[in-house]
Amino acid sequence: MLSNIYSSSDFAAIGPFLFGYHTGVISGVITMPAFILKFNNNYNETQNKLSSLTNGNIVGVLLFGCFLSSFISGQTSDRFSRRYSILIFSIVFIISASLQI
């Protein structure tokens, strides 16, 4: 029983760390020339950067997902318990991180 508590608390503690890590990594990735070349539709050799709209969309998608999940996390916790909701959302995070990679 005690190991379940430690496992649940480990998953709960690593979530904010990974969120901050992803947010920090995005700021470095959107300035990489290969990323700019791949995702910039209006690529210009002299202006080696993404548009403000594209930067905002890339960073905003992560925050929008967090915004939506904040609405369903309470209902999930009430329905399945906090432990299982942490497990469910950890699996969702692992899948989404794998898709990002």
PDB file of N, CA and C in Angstrom:
ATOM      1  N   MET A   1       0.825  -1.197   0.000  1.00  0.00           N
ATOM      2  CA  MET A   1       0.000   0.000   0.000  1.00  0.00           C
ATOM      3  C   MET A   1       0.870   1.262   0.000  1.00  0.00           C
ATOM      4  N   LEU A   2       1.943   1.214   0.780  1.00  0.00           N
ATOM      5  CA  LEU A   2       2.812   2.375   0.875  1.00  0.00           C
ATOM      6  C   LEU A   2       3.525   2.654  -0.445  1.00  0.00           C
ATOM      7  N   SER A   3       3.851   1.589  -1.188  1.00  0.00           N
ATOM      8  CA  SER A   3       4.510   1.790  -2.481  1.00  0.00           C
ATOM      9  C   SER A   3       3.568   2.460  -3.480  1.00  0.00           C
ATOM     10  N   ASN A   4       2.253   2.200  -3.381  1.00  0.00           N
ATOM     11  CA  ASN A   4       1.291   2.872  -4.257  1.00  0.00           C
ATOM     12  C   ASN A   4       1.255   4.371  -3.984  1.00  0.00           C
ATOM     13  N   ILE A   5       1.373   4.721  -2.719  1.00  0.00           N
ATOM     14  CA  ILE A   5       1.375   6.147  -2.363  1.00  0.00           C
ATOM     15  C   ILE A   5       2.616   6.821  -2.934  1.00  0.00           C
ATOM     16  N   TYR A   6       3.758   6.156  -2.804  1.00  0.00           N
ATOM     17  CA  TYR A   6       4.989   6.725  -3.347  1.00  0.00           C
ATOM     18  C   TYR A   6       4.936   6.806  -4.866  1.00  0.00           C
ATOM     19  N   SER A   7       4.387   5.799  -5.514  1.00  0.00           N
ATOM     20  CA  SER A   7       4.278   5.829  -6.974  1.00  0.00           C
ATOM     21  C   SER A   7       3.376   6.962  -7.431  1.00  0.00           C
ATOM     22  N   SER A   8       2.245   7.134  -6.772  1.00  0.00           N
ATOM     23  CA  SER A   8       1.321   8.208  -7.138  1.00  0.00           C
ATOM     24  C   SER A   8       1.945   9.573  -6.904  1.00  0.00           C
ATOM     25  N   SER A   9       2.649   9.715  -5.791  1.00  0.00           N
ATOM     26  CA  SER A   9       3.273  11.011  -5.515  1.00  0.00           C
ATOM     27  C   SER A   9       4.424  11.283  -6.484  1.00  0.00           C
ATOM     28  N   ASP A  10       5.121  10.234  -6.907  1.00  0.00           N
ATOM     29  CA  ASP A  10       6.185  10.417  -7.899  1.00  0.00           C
ATOM     30  C   ASP A  10       5.614  10.922  -9.223  1.00  0.00           C
ATOM     31  N   PHE A  11       4.520  10.321  -9.674  1.00  0.00           N
ATOM     32  CA  PHE A  11       3.886  10.770 -10.912  1.00  0.00           C
ATOM     33  C   PHE A  11       3.377  12.204 -10.778  1.00  0.00           C
ATOM     34  N   ALA A  12       2.813  12.529  -9.613  1.00  0.00           N
ATOM     35  CA  ALA A  12       2.294  13.886  -9.407  1.00  0.00           C
ATOM     36  C   ALA A  12       3.423  14.911  -9.357  1.00  0.00           C
ATOM     37  N   ALA A  13       4.565  14.534  -8.822  1.00  0.00           N
ATOM     38  CA  ALA A  13       5.680  15.471  -8.687  1.00  0.00           C
ATOM     39  C   ALA A  13       6.423  15.681  -9.997  1.00  0.00           C
ATOM     40  N   ILE A  14       6.480  14.675 -10.849  1.00  0.00           N
ATOM     41  CA  ILE A  14       7.247  14.806 -12.085  1.00  0.00           C
ATOM     42  C   ILE A  14       6.479  15.582 -13.157  1.00  0.00           C
ATOM     43  N   GLY A  15       5.169  15.674 -13.019  1.00  0.00           N
ATOM     44  CA  GLY A  15       4.354  16.387 -14.009  1.00  0.00           C
ATOM     45  C   GLY A  15       4.751  17.840 -14.189  1.00  0.00           C
ATOM     46  N   PRO A  16       4.791  18.642 -13.120  1.00  0.00           N
ATOM     47  CA  PRO A  16       5.199  20.050 -13.297  1.00  0.00           C
ATOM     48  C   PRO A  16       6.628  20.194 -13.811  1.00  0.00           C
ATOM     49  N   PHE A  17       7.520  19.296 -13.413  1.00  0.00           N
ATOM     50  CA  PHE A  17       8.889  19.347 -13.912  1.00  0.00           C
ATOM     51  C   PHE A  17       8.914  19.148 -15.425  1.00  0.00           C
ATOM     52  N   LEU A  18       8.194  18.160 -15.912  1.00  0.00           N
ATOM     53  CA  LEU A  18       8.175  17.888 -17.345  1.00  0.00           C
ATOM     54  C   LEU A  18       7.479  19.000 -18.121  1.00  0.00           C
ATOM     55  N   PHE A  19       6.448  19.592 -17.534  1.00  0.00           N
ATOM     56  CA  PHE A  19       5.766  20.705 -18.191  1.00  0.00           C
ATOM     57  C   PHE A  19       6.729  21.878 -18.361  1.00  0.00           C
ATOM     58  N   GLY A  20       7.457  22.202 -17.320  1.00  0.00           N
ATOM     59  CA  GLY A  20       8.439  23.279 -17.409  1.00  0.00           C
ATOM     60  C   GLY A  20       9.549  22.953 -18.380  1.00  0.00           C
ATOM     61  N   TYR A  21       9.955  21.702 -18.408  1.00  0.00           N
ATOM     62  CA  TYR A  21      11.010  21.286 -19.334  1.00  0.00           C
ATOM     63  C   TYR A  21      10.553  21.439 -20.782  1.00  0.00           C
ATOM     64  N   HIS A  22       9.333  21.012 -21.070  1.00  0.00           N
ATOM     65  CA  HIS A  22       8.804  21.137 -22.435  1.00  0.00           C
ATOM     66  C   HIS A  22       8.676  22.602 -22.844  1.00  0.00           C
ATOM     67  N   THR A  23       8.222  23.430 -21.924  1.00  0.00           N
ATOM     68  CA  THR A  23       8.089  24.851 -22.228  1.00  0.00           C
ATOM     69  C   THR A  23       9.453  25.473 -22.514  1.00  0.00           C
ATOM     70  N   GLY A  24      10.456  25.083 -21.753  1.00  0.00           N
ATOM     71  CA  GLY A  24      11.803  25.596 -21.979  1.00  0.00           C
ATOM     72  C   GLY A  24      12.421  25.092 -23.263  1.00  0.00           C
ATOM     73  N   VAL A  25      12.157  23.846 -23.612  1.00  0.00           N
ATOM     74  CA  VAL A  25      12.723  23.277 -24.831  1.00  0.00           C
ATOM     75  C   VAL A  25      12.115  23.931 -26.066  1.00  0.00           C
ATOM     76  N   ILE A  26      10.832  24.249 -26.014  1.00  0.00           N
ATOM     77  CA  ILE A  26      10.161  24.846 -27.179  1.00  0.00           C
ATOM     78  C   ILE A  26      10.829  26.167 -27.543  1.00  0.00           C
ATOM     79  N   SER A  27      11.247  26.949 -26.546  1.00  0.00           N
ATOM     80  CA  SER A  27      11.861  28.241 -26.856  1.00  0.00           C
ATOM     81  C   SER A  27      13.167  28.062 -27.632  1.00  0.00           C
ATOM     82  N   GLY A  28      13.890  26.991 -27.374  1.00  0.00           N
ATOM     83  CA  GLY A  28      15.108  26.736 -28.125  1.00  0.00           C
ATOM     84  C   GLY A  28      14.861  26.123 -29.486  1.00  0.00           C
ATOM     85  N   VAL A  29      13.838  25.298 -29.571  1.00  0.00           N
ATOM     86  CA  VAL A  29      13.562  24.603 -30.832  1.00  0.00           C
ATOM     87  C   VAL A  29      13.050  25.554 -31.898  1.00  0.00           C
ATOM     88  N   ILE A  30      12.223  26.524 -31.530  1.00  0.00           N
ATOM     89  CA  ILE A  30      11.641  27.406 -32.556  1.00  0.00           C
ATOM     90  C   ILE A  30      12.661  28.359 -33.160  1.00  0.00           C
ATOM     91  N   THR A  31      13.877  28.389 -32.627  1.00  0.00           N
ATOM     92  CA  THR A  31      14.926  29.219 -33.225  1.00  0.00           C
ATOM     93  C   THR A  31      15.923  28.401 -34.040  1.00  0.00           C
ATOM     94  N   MET A  32      15.770  27.082 -34.082  1.00  0.00           N
ATOM     95  CA  MET A  32      16.697  26.226 -34.828  1.00  0.00           C
ATOM     96  C   MET A  32      16.446  26.367 -36.334  1.00  0.00           C
ATOM     97  N   PRO A  33      17.509  26.524 -37.124  1.00  0.00           N
ATOM     98  CA  PRO A  33      17.331  26.701 -38.586  1.00  0.00           C
ATOM     99  C   PRO A  33      16.597  25.540 -39.260  1.00  0.00           C
ATOM    100  N   ALA A  34      16.861  24.309 -38.850  1.00  0.00           N
ATOM    101  CA  ALA A  34      16.181  23.169 -39.473  1.00  0.00           C
ATOM    102  C   ALA A  34      14.686  23.196 -39.169  1.00  0.00           C
ATOM    103  N   PHE A  35      14.322  23.586 -37.966  1.00  0.00           N
ATOM    104  CA  PHE A  35      12.908  23.684 -37.594  1.00  0.00           C
ATOM    105  C   PHE A  35      12.233  24.806 -38.369  1.00  0.00           C
ATOM    106  N   ILE A  36      12.921  25.923 -38.478  1.00  0.00           N
ATOM    107  CA  ILE A  36      12.370  27.058 -39.227  1.00  0.00           C
ATOM    108  C   ILE A  36      12.157  26.679 -40.686  1.00  0.00           C
ATOM    109  N   LEU A  37      13.118  26.001 -41.270  1.00  0.00           N
ATOM    110  CA  LEU A  37      13.007  25.590 -42.665  1.00  0.00           C
ATOM    111  C   LEU A  37      11.846  24.628 -42.875  1.00  0.00           C
ATOM    112  N   LYS A  38      11.634  23.737 -41.916  1.00  0.00           N
ATOM    113  CA  LYS A  38      10.573  22.731 -42.037  1.00  0.00           C
ATOM    114  C   LYS A  38       9.178  23.330 -41.849  1.00  0.00           C
ATOM    115  N   PHE A  39       9.025  24.265 -40.914  1.00  0.00           N
ATOM    116  CA  PHE A  39       7.695  24.735 -40.540  1.00  0.00           C
ATOM    117  C   PHE A  39       7.346  26.127 -41.030  1.00  0.00           C
ATOM    118  N   ASN A  40       8.249  26.813 -41.676  1.00  0.00           N
ATOM    119  CA  ASN A  40       7.946  28.150 -42.169  1.00  0.00           C
ATOM    120  C   ASN A  40       7.536  28.068 -43.629  1.00  0.00           C
ATOM    121  N   ASN A  41       6.276  28.366 -43.903  1.00  0.00           N
ATOM    122  CA  ASN A  41       5.772  28.329 -45.284  1.00  0.00           C
ATOM    123  C   ASN A  41       6.336  29.470 -46.117  1.00  0.00           C
ATOM    124  N   ASN A  42       6.575  30.599 -45.494  1.00  0.00           N
ATOM    125  CA  ASN A  42       7.093  31.772 -46.196  1.00  0.00           C
ATOM    126  C   ASN A  42       8.567  31.962 -45.850  1.00  0.00           C
ATOM    127  N   TYR A  43       9.371  30.930 -46.061  1.00  0.00           N
ATOM    128  CA  TYR A  43      10.781  30.992 -45.681  1.00  0.00           C
ATOM    129  C   TYR A  43      11.517  31.985 -46.564  1.00  0.00           C
ATOM    130  N   ASN A  44      12.271  32.847 -45.920  1.00  0.00           N
ATOM    131  CA  ASN A  44      13.056  33.849 -46.621  1.00  0.00           C
ATOM    132  C   ASN A  44      14.489  33.735 -46.107  1.00  0.00           C
ATOM    133  N   GLU A  45      15.449  33.590 -47.001  1.00  0.00           N
ATOM    134  CA  GLU A  45      16.846  33.394 -46.599  1.00  0.00           C
ATOM    135  C   GLU A  45      17.363  34.553 -45.749  1.00  0.00           C
ATOM    136  N   THR A  46      16.931  35.779 -46.062  1.00  0.00           N
ATOM    137  CA  THR A  46      17.438  36.934 -45.317  1.00  0.00           C
ATOM    138  C   THR A  46      16.771  37.079 -43.961  1.00  0.00           C
ATOM    139  N   GLN A  47      15.554  36.596 -43.836  1.00  0.00           N
ATOM    140  CA  GLN A  47      14.823  36.706 -42.573  1.00  0.00           C
ATOM    141  C   GLN A  47      14.686  35.300 -41.996  1.00  0.00           C
ATOM    142  N   ASN A  48      15.697  34.861 -41.283  1.00  0.00           N
ATOM    143  CA  ASN A  48      15.781  33.486 -40.804  1.00  0.00           C
ATOM    144  C   ASN A  48      15.027  33.320 -39.489  1.00  0.00           C
ATOM    145  N   LYS A  49      13.711  33.479 -39.539  1.00  0.00           N
ATOM    146  CA  LYS A  49      12.895  33.291 -38.344  1.00  0.00           C
ATOM    147  C   LYS A  49      11.457  32.990 -38.741  1.00  0.00           C
ATOM    148  N   LEU A  50      10.728  32.446 -37.788  1.00  0.00           N
ATOM    149  CA  LEU A  50       9.309  32.177 -37.996  1.00  0.00           C
ATOM    150  C   LEU A  50       8.518  33.448 -37.738  1.00  0.00           C
ATOM    151  N   SER A  51       7.329  33.518 -38.293  1.00  0.00           N
ATOM    152  CA  SER A  51       6.487  34.679 -38.032  1.00  0.00           C
ATOM    153  C   SER A  51       5.986  34.632 -36.589  1.00  0.00           C
ATOM    154  N   SER A  52       5.553  35.765 -36.105  1.00  0.00           N
ATOM    155  CA  SER A  52       5.038  35.842 -34.736  1.00  0.00           C
ATOM    156  C   SER A  52       3.809  34.959 -34.567  1.00  0.00           C
ATOM    157  N   LEU A  53       2.985  34.908 -35.594  1.00  0.00           N
ATOM    158  CA  LEU A  53       1.782  34.078 -35.542  1.00  0.00           C
ATOM    159  C   LEU A  53       2.148  32.601 -35.408  1.00  0.00           C
ATOM    160  N   THR A  54       3.124  32.141 -36.177  1.00  0.00           N
ATOM    161  CA  THR A  54       3.544  30.744 -36.107  1.00  0.00           C
ATOM    162  C   THR A  54       4.162  30.434 -34.747  1.00  0.00           C
ATOM    163  N   ASN A  55       5.014  31.329 -34.247  1.00  0.00           N
ATOM    164  CA  ASN A  55       5.586  31.127 -32.907  1.00  0.00           C
ATOM    165  C   ASN A  55       4.496  31.047 -31.855  1.00  0.00           C
ATOM    166  N   GLY A  56       3.545  31.947 -31.926  1.00  0.00           N
ATOM    167  CA  GLY A  56       2.451  31.959 -30.961  1.00  0.00           C
ATOM    168  C   GLY A  56       1.609  30.702 -31.019  1.00  0.00           C
ATOM    169  N   ASN A  57       1.366  30.212 -32.234  1.00  0.00           N
ATOM    170  CA  ASN A  57       0.579  28.983 -32.382  1.00  0.00           C
ATOM    171  C   ASN A  57       1.307  27.772 -31.831  1.00  0.00           C
ATOM    172  N   ILE A  58       2.609  27.693 -32.079  1.00  0.00           N
ATOM    173  CA  ILE A  58       3.384  26.542 -31.602  1.00  0.00           C
ATOM    174  C   ILE A  58       3.404  26.506 -30.079  1.00  0.00           C
ATOM    175  N   VAL A  59       3.675  27.633 -29.463  1.00  0.00           N
ATOM    176  CA  VAL A  59       3.732  27.688 -28.003  1.00  0.00           C
ATOM    177  C   VAL A  59       2.326  27.596 -27.405  1.00  0.00           C
ATOM    178  N   GLY A  60       1.352  28.203 -28.071  1.00  0.00           N
ATOM    179  CA  GLY A  60      -0.013  28.226 -27.549  1.00  0.00           C
ATOM    180  C   GLY A  60      -0.708  26.879 -27.554  1.00  0.00           C
ATOM    181  N   VAL A  61      -0.329  25.988 -28.464  1.00  0.00           N
ATOM    182  CA  VAL A  61      -0.960  24.671 -28.527  1.00  0.00           C
ATOM    183  C   VAL A  61      -0.714  23.906 -27.228  1.00  0.00           C
ATOM    184  N   LEU A  62       0.494  23.991 -26.704  1.00  0.00           N
ATOM    185  CA  LEU A  62       0.815  23.326 -25.440  1.00  0.00           C
ATOM    186  C   LEU A  62      -0.035  23.900 -24.303  1.00  0.00           C
ATOM    187  N   LEU A  63      -0.114  25.214 -24.236  1.00  0.00           N
ATOM    188  CA  LEU A  63      -0.883  25.843 -23.167  1.00  0.00           C
ATOM    189  C   LEU A  63      -2.377  25.616 -23.334  1.00  0.00           C
ATOM    190  N   PHE A  64      -2.850  25.547 -24.578  1.00  0.00           N
ATOM    191  CA  PHE A  64      -4.271  25.289 -24.811  1.00  0.00           C
ATOM    192  C   PHE A  64      -4.649  23.884 -24.362  1.00  0.00           C
ATOM    193  N   GLY A  65      -3.761  22.918 -24.585  1.00  0.00           N
ATOM    194  CA  GLY A  65      -4.005  21.561 -24.099  1.00  0.00           C
ATOM    195  C   GLY A  65      -4.092  21.514 -22.583  1.00  0.00           C
ATOM    196  N   CYS A  66      -3.262  22.283 -21.925  1.00  0.00           N
ATOM    197  CA  CYS A  66      -3.313  22.358 -20.459  1.00  0.00           C
ATOM    198  C   CYS A  66      -4.611  23.008 -19.993  1.00  0.00           C
ATOM    199  N   PHE A  67      -5.038  24.033 -20.717  1.00  0.00           N
ATOM    200  CA  PHE A  67      -6.285  24.717 -20.390  1.00  0.00           C
ATOM    201  C   PHE A  67      -7.474  23.759 -20.483  1.00  0.00           C
ATOM    202  N   LEU A  68      -7.530  22.981 -21.559  1.00  0.00           N
ATOM    203  CA  LEU A  68      -8.630  22.029 -21.716  1.00  0.00           C
ATOM    204  C   LEU A  68      -8.589  20.911 -20.678  1.00  0.00           C
ATOM    205  N   SER A  69      -7.395  20.416 -20.399  1.00  0.00           N
ATOM    206  CA  SER A  69      -7.296  19.318 -19.437  1.00  0.00           C
ATOM    207  C   SER A  69      -7.625  19.767 -18.021  1.00  0.00           C
ATOM    208  N   SER A  70      -7.460  21.049 -17.726  1.00  0.00           N
ATOM    209  CA  SER A  70      -7.814  21.528 -16.387  1.00  0.00           C
ATOM    210  C   SER A  70      -9.323  21.447 -16.142  1.00  0.00           C
ATOM    211  N   PHE A  71     -10.104  21.513 -17.209  1.00  0.00           N
ATOM    212  CA  PHE A  71     -11.546  21.392 -17.052  1.00  0.00           C
ATOM    213  C   PHE A  71     -11.987  19.959 -16.762  1.00  0.00           C
ATOM    214  N   ILE A  72     -11.292  18.983 -17.326  1.00  0.00           N
ATOM    215  CA  ILE A  72     -11.735  17.600 -17.141  1.00  0.00           C
ATOM    216  C   ILE A  72     -11.027  16.891 -15.995  1.00  0.00           C
ATOM    217  N   SER A  73      -9.978  17.485 -15.446  1.00  0.00           N
ATOM    218  CA  SER A  73      -9.243  16.792 -14.384  1.00  0.00           C
ATOM    219  C   SER A  73     -10.063  16.658 -13.111  1.00  0.00           C
ATOM    220  N   GLY A  74     -10.876  17.643 -12.784  1.00  0.00           N
ATOM    221  CA  GLY A  74     -11.711  17.553 -11.590  1.00  0.00           C
ATOM    222  C   GLY A  74     -12.751  16.452 -11.685  1.00  0.00           C
ATOM    223  N   GLN A  75     -13.417  16.378 -12.833  1.00  0.00           N
ATOM    224  CA  GLN A  75     -14.419  15.335 -13.030  1.00  0.00           C
ATOM    225  C   GLN A  75     -13.776  13.951 -13.054  1.00  0.00           C
ATOM    226  N   THR A  76     -12.600  13.850 -13.641  1.00  0.00           N
ATOM    227  CA  THR A  76     -11.905  12.567 -13.678  1.00  0.00           C
ATOM    228  C   THR A  76     -11.492  12.131 -12.274  1.00  0.00           C
ATOM    229  N   SER A  77     -11.039  13.075 -11.476  1.00  0.00           N
ATOM    230  CA  SER A  77     -10.650  12.748 -10.100  1.00  0.00           C
ATOM    231  C   SER A  77     -11.852  12.310  -9.276  1.00  0.00           C
ATOM    232  N   ASP A  78     -12.977  12.977  -9.461  1.00  0.00           N
ATOM    233  CA  ASP A  78     -14.181  12.585  -8.731  1.00  0.00           C
ATOM    234  C   ASP A  78     -14.692  11.221  -9.162  1.00  0.00           C
ATOM    235  N   ARG A  79     -14.582  10.935 -10.430  1.00  0.00           N
ATOM    236  CA  ARG A  79     -15.138   9.683 -10.943  1.00  0.00           C
ATOM    237  C   ARG A  79     -14.235   8.479 -10.709  1.00  0.00           C
ATOM    238  N   PHE A  80     -12.923   8.646 -10.937  1.00  0.00           N
ATOM    239  CA  PHE A  80     -12.011   7.503 -10.883  1.00  0.00           C
ATOM    240  C   PHE A  80     -11.042   7.523  -9.712  1.00  0.00           C
ATOM    241  N   SER A  81     -11.026   8.549  -8.906  1.00  0.00           N
ATOM    242  CA  SER A  81     -10.116   8.805  -7.785  1.00  0.00           C
ATOM    243  C   SER A  81      -8.864   9.506  -8.294  1.00  0.00           C
ATOM    244  N   ARG A  82      -8.197  10.162  -7.382  1.00  0.00           N
ATOM    245  CA  ARG A  82      -7.018  10.922  -7.778  1.00  0.00           C
ATOM    246  C   ARG A  82      -5.902  10.032  -8.294  1.00  0.00           C
ATOM    247  N   ARG A  83      -5.720   8.904  -7.653  1.00  0.00           N
ATOM    248  CA  ARG A  83      -4.633   8.005  -8.055  1.00  0.00           C
ATOM    249  C   ARG A  83      -4.797   7.550  -9.496  1.00  0.00           C
ATOM    250  N   TYR A  84      -5.993   7.100  -9.848  1.00  0.00           N
ATOM    251  CA  TYR A  84      -6.208   6.608 -11.209  1.00  0.00           C
ATOM    252  C   TYR A  84      -6.244   7.749 -12.226  1.00  0.00           C
ATOM    253  N   SER A  85      -6.703   8.919 -11.815  1.00  0.00           N
ATOM    254  CA  SER A  85      -6.682  10.044 -12.759  1.00  0.00           C
ATOM    255  C   SER A  85      -5.251  10.483 -13.038  1.00  0.00           C
ATOM    256  N   ILE A  86      -4.380  10.428 -12.038  1.00  0.00           N
ATOM    257  CA  ILE A  86      -2.965  10.724 -12.278  1.00  0.00           C
ATOM    258  C   ILE A  86      -2.378   9.691 -13.228  1.00  0.00           C
ATOM    259  N   LEU A  87      -2.743   8.436 -13.048  1.00  0.00           N
ATOM    260  CA  LEU A  87      -2.256   7.383 -13.938  1.00  0.00           C
ATOM    261  C   LEU A  87      -2.762   7.595 -15.363  1.00  0.00           C
ATOM    262  N   ILE A  88      -4.032   7.925 -15.513  1.00  0.00           N
ATOM    263  CA  ILE A  88      -4.624   8.153 -16.837  1.00  0.00           C
ATOM    264  C   ILE A  88      -3.934   9.318 -17.538  1.00  0.00           C
ATOM    265  N   PHE A  89      -3.768  10.431 -16.822  1.00  0.00           N
ATOM    266  CA  PHE A  89      -3.160  11.601 -17.449  1.00  0.00           C
ATOM    267  C   PHE A  89      -1.669  11.431 -17.664  1.00  0.00           C
ATOM    268  N   SER A  90      -1.024  10.595 -16.883  1.00  0.00           N
ATOM    269  CA  SER A  90       0.385  10.287 -17.136  1.00  0.00           C
ATOM    270  C   SER A  90       0.533   9.494 -18.430  1.00  0.00           C
ATOM    271  N   ILE A  91      -0.384   8.577 -18.658  1.00  0.00           N
ATOM    272  CA  ILE A  91      -0.362   7.810 -19.908  1.00  0.00           C
ATOM    273  C   ILE A  91      -0.629   8.721 -21.096  1.00  0.00           C
ATOM    274  N   VAL A  92      -1.582   9.639 -20.952  1.00  0.00           N
ATOM    275  CA  VAL A  92      -1.864  10.604 -22.021  1.00  0.00           C
ATOM    276  C   VAL A  92      -0.627  11.463 -22.289  1.00  0.00           C
ATOM    277  N   PHE A  93       0.061  11.871 -21.217  1.00  0.00           N
ATOM    278  CA  PHE A  93       1.269  12.684 -21.386  1.00  0.00           C
ATOM    279  C   PHE A  93       2.370  11.905 -22.083  1.00  0.00           C
ATOM    280  N   ILE A  94       2.544  10.640 -21.731  1.00  0.00           N
ATOM    281  CA  ILE A  94       3.576   9.813 -22.362  1.00  0.00           C
ATOM    282  C   ILE A  94       3.287   9.651 -23.847  1.00  0.00           C
ATOM    283  N   ILE A  95       2.023   9.424 -24.200  1.00  0.00           N
ATOM    284  CA  ILE A  95       1.655   9.281 -25.609  1.00  0.00           C
ATOM    285  C   ILE A  95       1.897  10.583 -26.359  1.00  0.00           C
ATOM    286  N   SER A  96       1.489  11.709 -25.765  1.00  0.00           N
ATOM    287  CA  SER A  96       1.668  12.997 -26.457  1.00  0.00           C
ATOM    288  C   SER A  96       3.144  13.367 -26.577  1.00  0.00           C
ATOM    289  N   ALA A  97       3.945  13.056 -25.559  1.00  0.00           N
ATOM    290  CA  ALA A  97       5.376  13.328 -25.654  1.00  0.00           C
ATOM    291  C   ALA A  97       6.028  12.452 -26.715  1.00  0.00           C
ATOM    292  N   SER A  98       5.568  11.210 -26.835  1.00  0.00           N
ATOM    293  CA  SER A  98       6.101  10.326 -27.872  1.00  0.00           C
ATOM    294  C   SER A  98       5.747  10.847 -29.263  1.00  0.00           C
ATOM    295  N   LEU A  99       4.555  11.379 -29.418  1.00  0.00           N
ATOM    296  CA  LEU A  99       4.159  11.936 -30.705  1.00  0.00           C
ATOM    297  C   LEU A  99       4.956  13.201 -31.031  1.00  0.00           C
ATOM    298  N   GLN A 100       5.283  13.981 -30.002  1.00  0.00           N
ATOM    299  CA  GLN A 100       6.088  15.172 -30.220  1.00  0.00           C
ATOM    300  C   GLN A 100       7.488  14.818 -30.689  1.00  0.00           C
ATOM    301  N   ILE A 101       8.030  13.785 -30.105  1.00  0.00           N
ATOM    302  CA  ILE A 101       9.396  13.360 -30.464  1.00  0.00           C
ATOM    303  C   ILE A 101       9.402  12.868 -31.891  1.00  0.00           C
TER     304      ILE A 101
END
